Amino acid sequence: MSSEIFTNVFDAIAKSPEEAANLKARAALMSAIVEHVNAWQVSQQVAATRLGVTRPRLNNLLRGKLSNFSLDALVNLAAAAGLTLDIRIAGAA
């Protein structure tokens, strides 16, 4: 039996490089939003209201349920949180 070594968990679980790239972008964006929301030090209801989502939706975000959020939804949440995005594109190694 052979084994593969991956540099990133998303490379290991994704079915394609495109899917891995999407997962990486979503995870990075979700992490930034969660960190920012936690810094507010407010109740989940207040945070949900600030973001324009329901409290259960916020709870999914805070618990890192990546599969529940598209990249588009996360971009919208980042904007609602007052974050700006800086997208950097690089050639493949």
PDB file of N, CA and C in Angstrom:
ATOM      1  N   MET A   1       0.841  -1.170   0.000  1.00  0.00           N
ATOM      2  CA  MET A   1       0.000   0.000   0.000  1.00  0.00           C
ATOM      3  C   MET A   1       0.892   1.241   0.000  1.00  0.00           C
ATOM      4  N   SER A   2       0.603   2.172  -0.889  1.00  0.00           N
ATOM      5  CA  SER A   2       1.384   3.402  -0.943  1.00  0.00           C
ATOM      6  C   SER A   2       0.629   4.508  -0.220  1.00  0.00           C
ATOM      7  N   SER A   3       1.382   5.493   0.214  1.00  0.00           N
ATOM      8  CA  SER A   3       0.756   6.625   0.890  1.00  0.00           C
ATOM      9  C   SER A   3       1.203   7.913   0.206  1.00  0.00           C
ATOM     10  N   GLU A   4       0.329   8.898   0.261  1.00  0.00           N
ATOM     11  CA  GLU A   4       0.639  10.199  -0.308  1.00  0.00           C
ATOM     12  C   GLU A   4       0.832  11.188   0.822  1.00  0.00           C
ATOM     13  N   ILE A   5       1.658  12.175   0.577  1.00  0.00           N
ATOM     14  CA  ILE A   5       1.871  13.249   1.543  1.00  0.00           C
ATOM     15  C   ILE A   5       1.323  14.529   0.928  1.00  0.00           C
ATOM     16  N   PHE A   6       0.477  15.211   1.688  1.00  0.00           N
ATOM     17  CA  PHE A   6      -0.136  16.455   1.226  1.00  0.00           C
ATOM     18  C   PHE A   6       0.350  17.605   2.086  1.00  0.00           C
ATOM     19  N   THR A   7       0.451  18.773   1.489  1.00  0.00           N
ATOM     20  CA  THR A   7       0.894  19.949   2.240  1.00  0.00           C
ATOM     21  C   THR A   7      -0.259  20.622   2.960  1.00  0.00           C
ATOM     22  N   ASN A   8      -1.482  20.234   2.612  1.00  0.00           N
ATOM     23  CA  ASN A   8      -2.658  20.874   3.179  1.00  0.00           C
ATOM     24  C   ASN A   8      -3.777  19.842   3.271  1.00  0.00           C
ATOM     25  N   VAL A   9      -4.553  19.891   4.328  1.00  0.00           N
ATOM     26  CA  VAL A   9      -5.645  18.936   4.503  1.00  0.00           C
ATOM     27  C   VAL A   9      -6.645  19.026   3.369  1.00  0.00           C
ATOM     28  N   PHE A  10      -6.869  20.223   2.829  1.00  0.00           N
ATOM     29  CA  PHE A  10      -7.838  20.385   1.755  1.00  0.00           C
ATOM     30  C   PHE A  10      -7.362  19.708   0.470  1.00  0.00           C
ATOM     31  N   ASP A  11      -6.057  19.676   0.250  1.00  0.00           N
ATOM     32  CA  ASP A  11      -5.520  18.952  -0.901  1.00  0.00           C
ATOM     33  C   ASP A  11      -5.795  17.460  -0.757  1.00  0.00           C
ATOM     34  N   ALA A  12      -5.808  16.977   0.463  1.00  0.00           N
ATOM     35  CA  ALA A  12      -6.027  15.553   0.716  1.00  0.00           C
ATOM     36  C   ALA A  12      -7.492  15.155   0.542  1.00  0.00           C
ATOM     37  N   ILE A  13      -8.413  16.022   0.930  1.00  0.00           N
ATOM     38  CA  ILE A  13      -9.826  15.636   0.900  1.00  0.00           C
ATOM     39  C   ILE A  13     -10.575  16.071  -0.350  1.00  0.00           C
ATOM     40  N   ALA A  14     -10.028  17.023  -1.080  1.00  0.00           N
ATOM     41  CA  ALA A  14     -10.707  17.528  -2.275  1.00  0.00           C
ATOM     42  C   ALA A  14     -10.541  16.554  -3.435  1.00  0.00           C
ATOM     43  N   LYS A  15     -11.526  16.578  -4.311  1.00  0.00           N
ATOM     44  CA  LYS A  15     -11.489  15.704  -5.478  1.00  0.00           C
ATOM     45  C   LYS A  15     -10.732  16.315  -6.647  1.00  0.00           C
ATOM     46  N   SER A  16     -10.462  17.614  -6.556  1.00  0.00           N
ATOM     47  CA  SER A  16      -9.751  18.300  -7.629  1.00  0.00           C
ATOM     48  C   SER A  16      -8.993  19.488  -7.053  1.00  0.00           C
ATOM     49  N   PRO A  17      -8.002  19.984  -7.774  1.00  0.00           N
ATOM     50  CA  PRO A  17      -7.289  21.178  -7.316  1.00  0.00           C
ATOM     51  C   PRO A  17      -8.222  22.389  -7.193  1.00  0.00           C
ATOM     52  N   GLU A  18      -9.226  22.468  -8.049  1.00  0.00           N
ATOM     53  CA  GLU A  18     -10.173  23.577  -7.989  1.00  0.00           C
ATOM     54  C   GLU A  18     -10.994  23.524  -6.704  1.00  0.00           C
ATOM     55  N   GLU A  19     -11.442  22.338  -6.344  1.00  0.00           N
ATOM     56  CA  GLU A  19     -12.200  22.186  -5.107  1.00  0.00           C
ATOM     57  C   GLU A  19     -11.324  22.504  -3.898  1.00  0.00           C
ATOM     58  N   ALA A  20     -10.073  22.085  -3.926  1.00  0.00           N
ATOM     59  CA  ALA A  20      -9.141  22.379  -2.833  1.00  0.00           C
ATOM     60  C   ALA A  20      -8.928  23.884  -2.700  1.00  0.00           C
ATOM     61  N   ALA A  21      -8.791  24.575  -3.813  1.00  0.00           N
ATOM     62  CA  ALA A  21      -8.607  26.030  -3.779  1.00  0.00           C
ATOM     63  C   ALA A  21      -9.825  26.719  -3.188  1.00  0.00           C
ATOM     64  N   ASN A  22     -11.023  26.245  -3.543  1.00  0.00           N
ATOM     65  CA  ASN A  22     -12.248  26.817  -3.002  1.00  0.00           C
ATOM     66  C   ASN A  22     -12.330  26.576  -1.497  1.00  0.00           C
ATOM     67  N   LEU A  23     -12.011  25.385  -1.057  1.00  0.00           N
ATOM     68  CA  LEU A  23     -12.040  25.069   0.373  1.00  0.00           C
ATOM     69  C   LEU A  23     -11.039  25.923   1.153  1.00  0.00           C
ATOM     70  N   LYS A  24      -9.850  26.084   0.611  1.00  0.00           N
ATOM     71  CA  LYS A  24      -8.827  26.899   1.278  1.00  0.00           C
ATOM     72  C   LYS A  24      -9.283  28.349   1.417  1.00  0.00           C
ATOM     73  N   ALA A  25      -9.846  28.902   0.347  1.00  0.00           N
ATOM     74  CA  ALA A  25     -10.315  30.292   0.381  1.00  0.00           C
ATOM     75  C   ALA A  25     -11.451  30.448   1.380  1.00  0.00           C
ATOM     76  N   ARG A  26     -12.394  29.514   1.377  1.00  0.00           N
ATOM     77  CA  ARG A  26     -13.516  29.593   2.305  1.00  0.00           C
ATOM     78  C   ARG A  26     -13.044  29.468   3.746  1.00  0.00           C
ATOM     79  N   ALA A  27     -12.119  28.557   3.998  1.00  0.00           N
ATOM     80  CA  ALA A  27     -11.625  28.366   5.365  1.00  0.00           C
ATOM     81  C   ALA A  27     -10.890  29.601   5.868  1.00  0.00           C
ATOM     82  N   ALA A  28     -10.073  30.207   5.029  1.00  0.00           N
ATOM     83  CA  ALA A  28      -9.334  31.405   5.435  1.00  0.00           C
ATOM     84  C   ALA A  28     -10.285  32.560   5.719  1.00  0.00           C
ATOM     85  N   LEU A  29     -11.279  32.718   4.868  1.00  0.00           N
ATOM     86  CA  LEU A  29     -12.248  33.796   5.043  1.00  0.00           C
ATOM     87  C   LEU A  29     -13.104  33.558   6.282  1.00  0.00           C
ATOM     88  N   MET A  30     -13.544  32.330   6.468  1.00  0.00           N
ATOM     89  CA  MET A  30     -14.349  32.011   7.649  1.00  0.00           C
ATOM     90  C   MET A  30     -13.557  32.269   8.924  1.00  0.00           C
ATOM     91  N   SER A  31     -12.314  31.875   8.950  1.00  0.00           N
ATOM     92  CA  SER A  31     -11.468  32.077  10.122  1.00  0.00           C
ATOM     93  C   SER A  31     -11.331  33.558  10.453  1.00  0.00           C
ATOM     94  N   ALA A  32     -11.131  34.388   9.437  1.00  0.00           N
ATOM     95  CA  ALA A  32     -10.995  35.836   9.658  1.00  0.00           C
ATOM     96  C   ALA A  32     -12.288  36.432  10.198  1.00  0.00           C
ATOM     97  N   ILE A  33     -13.419  35.985   9.662  1.00  0.00           N
ATOM     98  CA  ILE A  33     -14.705  36.507  10.124  1.00  0.00           C
ATOM     99  C   ILE A  33     -14.954  36.096  11.567  1.00  0.00           C
ATOM    100  N   VAL A  34     -14.715  34.850  11.883  1.00  0.00           N
ATOM    101  CA  VAL A  34     -14.938  34.358  13.252  1.00  0.00           C
ATOM    102  C   VAL A  34     -14.049  35.115  14.237  1.00  0.00           C
ATOM    103  N   GLU A  35     -12.796  35.305  13.891  1.00  0.00           N
ATOM    104  CA  GLU A  35     -11.883  36.046  14.763  1.00  0.00           C
ATOM    105  C   GLU A  35     -12.393  37.472  14.992  1.00  0.00           C
ATOM    106  N   HIS A  36     -12.864  38.106  13.939  1.00  0.00           N
ATOM    107  CA  HIS A  36     -13.367  39.476  14.027  1.00  0.00           C
ATOM    108  C   HIS A  36     -14.632  39.543  14.882  1.00  0.00           C
ATOM    109  N   VAL A  37     -15.552  38.626  14.656  1.00  0.00           N
ATOM    110  CA  VAL A  37     -16.809  38.598  15.418  1.00  0.00           C
ATOM    111  C   VAL A  37     -16.532  38.313  16.891  1.00  0.00           C
ATOM    112  N   ASN A  38     -15.635  37.396  17.185  1.00  0.00           N
ATOM    113  CA  ASN A  38     -15.295  37.099  18.582  1.00  0.00           C
ATOM    114  C   ASN A  38     -14.694  38.309  19.290  1.00  0.00           C
ATOM    115  N   ALA A  39     -13.984  39.142  18.548  1.00  0.00           N
ATOM    116  CA  ALA A  39     -13.380  40.340  19.132  1.00  0.00           C
ATOM    117  C   ALA A  39     -14.434  41.368  19.544  1.00  0.00           C
ATOM    118  N   TRP A  40     -15.622  41.272  18.977  1.00  0.00           N
ATOM    119  CA  TRP A  40     -16.693  42.181  19.367  1.00  0.00           C
ATOM    120  C   TRP A  40     -17.118  41.983  20.814  1.00  0.00           C
ATOM    121  N   GLN A  41     -16.967  40.777  21.309  1.00  0.00           N
ATOM    122  CA  GLN A  41     -17.352  40.433  22.688  1.00  0.00           C
ATOM    123  C   GLN A  41     -18.800  40.836  22.984  1.00  0.00           C
ATOM    124  N   VAL A  42     -19.692  40.399  22.107  1.00  0.00           N
ATOM    125  CA  VAL A  42     -21.127  40.636  22.282  1.00  0.00           C
ATOM    126  C   VAL A  42     -21.831  39.283  22.225  1.00  0.00           C
ATOM    127  N   SER A  43     -23.099  39.280  22.572  1.00  0.00           N
ATOM    128  CA  SER A  43     -23.870  38.040  22.514  1.00  0.00           C
ATOM    129  C   SER A  43     -24.028  37.590  21.063  1.00  0.00           C
ATOM    130  N   GLN A  44     -24.350  36.315  20.892  1.00  0.00           N
ATOM    131  CA  GLN A  44     -24.559  35.812  19.537  1.00  0.00           C
ATOM    132  C   GLN A  44     -25.724  36.523  18.863  1.00  0.00           C
ATOM    133  N   GLN A  45     -26.744  36.870  19.618  1.00  0.00           N
ATOM    134  CA  GLN A  45     -27.887  37.561  19.015  1.00  0.00           C
ATOM    135  C   GLN A  45     -27.482  38.936  18.481  1.00  0.00           C
ATOM    136  N   VAL A  46     -26.686  39.658  19.246  1.00  0.00           N
ATOM    137  CA  VAL A  46     -26.215  40.973  18.798  1.00  0.00           C
ATOM    138  C   VAL A  46     -25.319  40.815  17.573  1.00  0.00           C
ATOM    139  N   ALA A  47     -24.411  39.842  17.608  1.00  0.00           N
ATOM    140  CA  ALA A  47     -23.516  39.612  16.471  1.00  0.00           C
ATOM    141  C   ALA A  47     -24.309  39.207  15.234  1.00  0.00           C
ATOM    142  N   ALA A  48     -25.298  38.354  15.406  1.00  0.00           N
ATOM    143  CA  ALA A  48     -26.129  37.926  14.276  1.00  0.00           C
ATOM    144  C   ALA A  48     -26.851  39.115  13.665  1.00  0.00           C
ATOM    145  N   THR A  49     -27.376  39.988  14.507  1.00  0.00           N
ATOM    146  CA  THR A  49     -28.068  41.186  14.023  1.00  0.00           C
ATOM    147  C   THR A  49     -27.107  42.074  13.243  1.00  0.00           C
ATOM    148  N   ARG A  50     -25.891  42.262  13.758  1.00  0.00           N
ATOM    149  CA  ARG A  50     -24.895  43.077  13.040  1.00  0.00           C
ATOM    150  C   ARG A  50     -24.598  42.507  11.657  1.00  0.00           C
ATOM    151  N   LEU A  51     -24.564  41.184  11.566  1.00  0.00           N
ATOM    152  CA  LEU A  51     -24.225  40.534  10.299  1.00  0.00           C
ATOM    153  C   LEU A  51     -25.437  40.348   9.387  1.00  0.00           C
ATOM    154  N   GLY A  52     -26.625  40.549   9.932  1.00  0.00           N
ATOM    155  CA  GLY A  52     -27.831  40.376   9.128  1.00  0.00           C
ATOM    156  C   GLY A  52     -28.208  38.929   8.896  1.00  0.00           C
ATOM    157  N   VAL A  53     -27.870  38.060   9.856  1.00  0.00           N
ATOM    158  CA  VAL A  53     -28.201  36.633   9.757  1.00  0.00           C
ATOM    159  C   VAL A  53     -28.945  36.196  11.017  1.00  0.00           C
ATOM    160  N   THR A  54     -29.485  34.997  10.976  1.00  0.00           N
ATOM    161  CA  THR A  54     -30.139  34.455  12.165  1.00  0.00           C
ATOM    162  C   THR A  54     -29.087  33.969  13.146  1.00  0.00           C
ATOM    163  N   ARG A  55     -29.473  33.813  14.400  1.00  0.00           N
ATOM    164  CA  ARG A  55     -28.541  33.307  15.390  1.00  0.00           C
ATOM    165  C   ARG A  55     -28.084  31.885  15.060  1.00  0.00           C
ATOM    166  N   PRO A  56     -28.979  30.982  14.608  1.00  0.00           N
ATOM    167  CA  PRO A  56     -28.491  29.651  14.220  1.00  0.00           C
ATOM    168  C   PRO A  56     -27.467  29.698  13.081  1.00  0.00           C
ATOM    169  N   ARG A  57     -27.661  30.624  12.140  1.00  0.00           N
ATOM    170  CA  ARG A  57     -26.694  30.758  11.032  1.00  0.00           C
ATOM    171  C   ARG A  57     -25.351  31.242  11.572  1.00  0.00           C
ATOM    172  N   LEU A  58     -25.392  32.194  12.484  1.00  0.00           N
ATOM    173  CA  LEU A  58     -24.159  32.667  13.114  1.00  0.00           C
ATOM    174  C   LEU A  58     -23.480  31.534  13.874  1.00  0.00           C
ATOM    175  N   ASN A  59     -24.277  30.739  14.568  1.00  0.00           N
ATOM    176  CA  ASN A  59     -23.718  29.623  15.326  1.00  0.00           C
ATOM    177  C   ASN A  59     -22.988  28.652  14.395  1.00  0.00           C
ATOM    178  N   ASN A  60     -23.551  28.385  13.230  1.00  0.00           N
ATOM    179  CA  ASN A  60     -22.868  27.533  12.249  1.00  0.00           C
ATOM    180  C   ASN A  60     -21.543  28.143  11.822  1.00  0.00           C
ATOM    181  N   LEU A  61     -21.521  29.445  11.660  1.00  0.00           N
ATOM    182  CA  LEU A  61     -20.287  30.141  11.295  1.00  0.00           C
ATOM    183  C   LEU A  61     -19.246  29.999  12.401  1.00  0.00           C
ATOM    184  N   LEU A  62     -19.657  30.294  13.633  1.00  0.00           N
ATOM    185  CA  LEU A  62     -18.727  30.256  14.764  1.00  0.00           C
ATOM    186  C   LEU A  62     -18.214  28.846  15.050  1.00  0.00           C
ATOM    187  N   ARG A  63     -18.991  27.849  14.699  1.00  0.00           N
ATOM    188  CA  ARG A  63     -18.582  26.459  14.912  1.00  0.00           C
ATOM    189  C   ARG A  63     -17.780  25.902  13.742  1.00  0.00           C
ATOM    190  N   GLY A  64     -17.546  26.749  12.730  1.00  0.00           N
ATOM    191  CA  GLY A  64     -16.686  26.351  11.616  1.00  0.00           C
ATOM    192  C   GLY A  64     -17.312  25.378  10.648  1.00  0.00           C
ATOM    193  N   LYS A  65     -18.617  25.422  10.488  1.00  0.00           N
ATOM    194  CA  LYS A  65     -19.307  24.502   9.579  1.00  0.00           C
ATOM    195  C   LYS A  65     -19.128  24.987   8.140  1.00  0.00           C
ATOM    196  N   LEU A  66     -17.965  24.720   7.613  1.00  0.00           N
ATOM    197  CA  LEU A  66     -17.544  25.219   6.306  1.00  0.00           C
ATOM    198  C   LEU A  66     -18.506  24.817   5.191  1.00  0.00           C
ATOM    199  N   SER A  67     -19.041  23.614   5.267  1.00  0.00           N
ATOM    200  CA  SER A  67     -19.914  23.129   4.196  1.00  0.00           C
ATOM    201  C   SER A  67     -21.224  23.908   4.113  1.00  0.00           C
ATOM    202  N   ASN A  68     -21.554  24.671   5.145  1.00  0.00           N
ATOM    203  CA  ASN A  68     -22.796  25.447   5.151  1.00  0.00           C
ATOM    204  C   ASN A  68     -22.659  26.820   4.499  1.00  0.00           C
ATOM    205  N   PHE A  69     -21.448  27.183   4.051  1.00  0.00           N
ATOM    206  CA  PHE A  69     -21.216  28.527   3.543  1.00  0.00           C
ATOM    207  C   PHE A  69     -20.483  28.487   2.208  1.00  0.00           C
ATOM    208  N   SER A  70     -21.062  29.176   1.228  1.00  0.00           N
ATOM    209  CA  SER A  70     -20.384  29.336  -0.058  1.00  0.00           C
ATOM    210  C   SER A  70     -19.367  30.461   0.071  1.00  0.00           C
ATOM    211  N   LEU A  71     -18.477  30.543  -0.880  1.00  0.00           N
ATOM    212  CA  LEU A  71     -17.505  31.638  -0.897  1.00  0.00           C
ATOM    213  C   LEU A  71     -18.236  32.977  -1.015  1.00  0.00           C
ATOM    214  N   ASP A  72     -19.275  33.011  -1.804  1.00  0.00           N
ATOM    215  CA  ASP A  72     -20.066  34.230  -1.987  1.00  0.00           C
ATOM    216  C   ASP A  72     -20.706  34.663  -0.662  1.00  0.00           C
ATOM    217  N   ALA A  73     -21.283  33.720   0.062  1.00  0.00           N
ATOM    218  CA  ALA A  73     -21.907  34.040   1.351  1.00  0.00           C
ATOM    219  C   ALA A  73     -20.878  34.565   2.340  1.00  0.00           C
ATOM    220  N   LEU A  74     -19.695  33.989   2.338  1.00  0.00           N
ATOM    221  CA  LEU A  74     -18.647  34.434   3.259  1.00  0.00           C
ATOM    222  C   LEU A  74     -18.142  35.829   2.904  1.00  0.00           C
ATOM    223  N   VAL A  75     -18.058  36.131   1.618  1.00  0.00           N
ATOM    224  CA  VAL A  75     -17.665  37.485   1.203  1.00  0.00           C
ATOM    225  C   VAL A  75     -18.693  38.488   1.712  1.00  0.00           C
ATOM    226  N   ASN A  76     -19.968  38.149   1.583  1.00  0.00           N
ATOM    227  CA  ASN A  76     -21.026  39.038   2.069  1.00  0.00           C
ATOM    228  C   ASN A  76     -20.960  39.205   3.586  1.00  0.00           C
ATOM    229  N   LEU A  77     -20.697  38.141   4.312  1.00  0.00           N
ATOM    230  CA  LEU A  77     -20.579  38.225   5.769  1.00  0.00           C
ATOM    231  C   LEU A  77     -19.368  39.068   6.168  1.00  0.00           C
ATOM    232  N   ALA A  78     -18.274  38.920   5.450  1.00  0.00           N
ATOM    233  CA  ALA A  78     -17.083  39.722   5.745  1.00  0.00           C
ATOM    234  C   ALA A  78     -17.383  41.202   5.567  1.00  0.00           C
ATOM    235  N   ALA A  79     -18.077  41.536   4.502  1.00  0.00           N
ATOM    236  CA  ALA A  79     -18.445  42.933   4.265  1.00  0.00           C
ATOM    237  C   ALA A  79     -19.377  43.437   5.360  1.00  0.00           C
ATOM    238  N   ALA A  80     -20.350  42.622   5.760  1.00  0.00           N
ATOM    239  CA  ALA A  80     -21.279  43.009   6.821  1.00  0.00           C
ATOM    240  C   ALA A  80     -20.554  43.194   8.153  1.00  0.00           C
ATOM    241  N   ALA A  81     -19.459  42.452   8.340  1.00  0.00           N
ATOM    242  CA  ALA A  81     -18.673  42.558   9.574  1.00  0.00           C
ATOM    243  C   ALA A  81     -17.745  43.762   9.561  1.00  0.00           C
ATOM    244  N   GLY A  82     -17.654  44.434   8.422  1.00  0.00           N
ATOM    245  CA  GLY A  82     -16.771  45.593   8.319  1.00  0.00           C
ATOM    246  C   GLY A  82     -15.365  45.243   7.888  1.00  0.00           C
ATOM    247  N   LEU A  83     -15.185  44.053   7.345  1.00  0.00           N
ATOM    248  CA  LEU A  83     -13.871  43.635   6.866  1.00  0.00           C
ATOM    249  C   LEU A  83     -13.749  43.952   5.377  1.00  0.00           C
ATOM    250  N   THR A  84     -12.535  44.187   4.930  1.00  0.00           N
ATOM    251  CA  THR A  84     -12.280  44.343   3.503  1.00  0.00           C
ATOM    252  C   THR A  84     -11.420  43.175   3.055  1.00  0.00           C
ATOM    253  N   LEU A  85     -11.620  42.766   1.833  1.00  0.00           N
ATOM    254  CA  LEU A  85     -10.871  41.639   1.297  1.00  0.00           C
ATOM    255  C   LEU A  85      -9.740  42.124   0.419  1.00  0.00           C
ATOM    256  N   ASP A  86      -8.627  41.447   0.504  1.00  0.00           N
ATOM    257  CA  ASP A  86      -7.474  41.714  -0.345  1.00  0.00           C
ATOM    258  C   ASP A  86      -7.120  40.384  -0.991  1.00  0.00           C
ATOM    259  N   ILE A  87      -7.495  40.214  -2.242  1.00  0.00           N
ATOM    260  CA  ILE A  87      -7.283  38.942  -2.917  1.00  0.00           C
ATOM    261  C   ILE A  87      -5.942  38.988  -3.630  1.00  0.00           C
ATOM    262  N   ARG A  88      -5.140  37.970  -3.396  1.00  0.00           N
ATOM    263  CA  ARG A  88      -3.843  37.864  -4.054  1.00  0.00           C
ATOM    264  C   ARG A  88      -3.828  36.615  -4.914  1.00  0.00           C
ATOM    265  N   ILE A  89      -3.380  36.771  -6.106  1.00  0.00           N
ATOM    266  CA  ILE A  89      -3.334  35.663  -7.061  1.00  0.00           C
ATOM    267  C   ILE A  89      -1.864  35.379  -7.367  1.00  0.00           C
ATOM    268  N   ALA A  90      -1.498  34.104  -7.319  1.00  0.00           N
ATOM    269  CA  ALA A  90      -0.118  33.720  -7.608  1.00  0.00           C
ATOM    270  C   ALA A  90      -0.130  32.513  -8.543  1.00  0.00           C
ATOM    271  N   GLY A  91       0.905  32.384  -9.313  1.00  0.00           N
ATOM    272  CA  GLY A  91       1.037  31.227 -10.183  1.00  0.00           C
ATOM    273  C   GLY A  91       1.300  29.972  -9.371  1.00  0.00           C
ATOM    274  N   ALA A  92       0.962  28.839  -9.922  1.00  0.00           N
ATOM    275  CA  ALA A  92       1.177  27.556  -9.244  1.00  0.00           C
ATOM    276  C   ALA A  92       2.676  27.314  -9.110  1.00  0.00           C
ATOM    277  N   ALA A  93       3.030  26.654  -8.027  1.00  0.00           N
ATOM    278  CA  ALA A  93       4.445  26.358  -7.773  1.00  0.00           C
ATOM    279  C   ALA A  93       4.962  25.268  -8.658  1.00  0.00           C
TER     280      ALA A  93
END
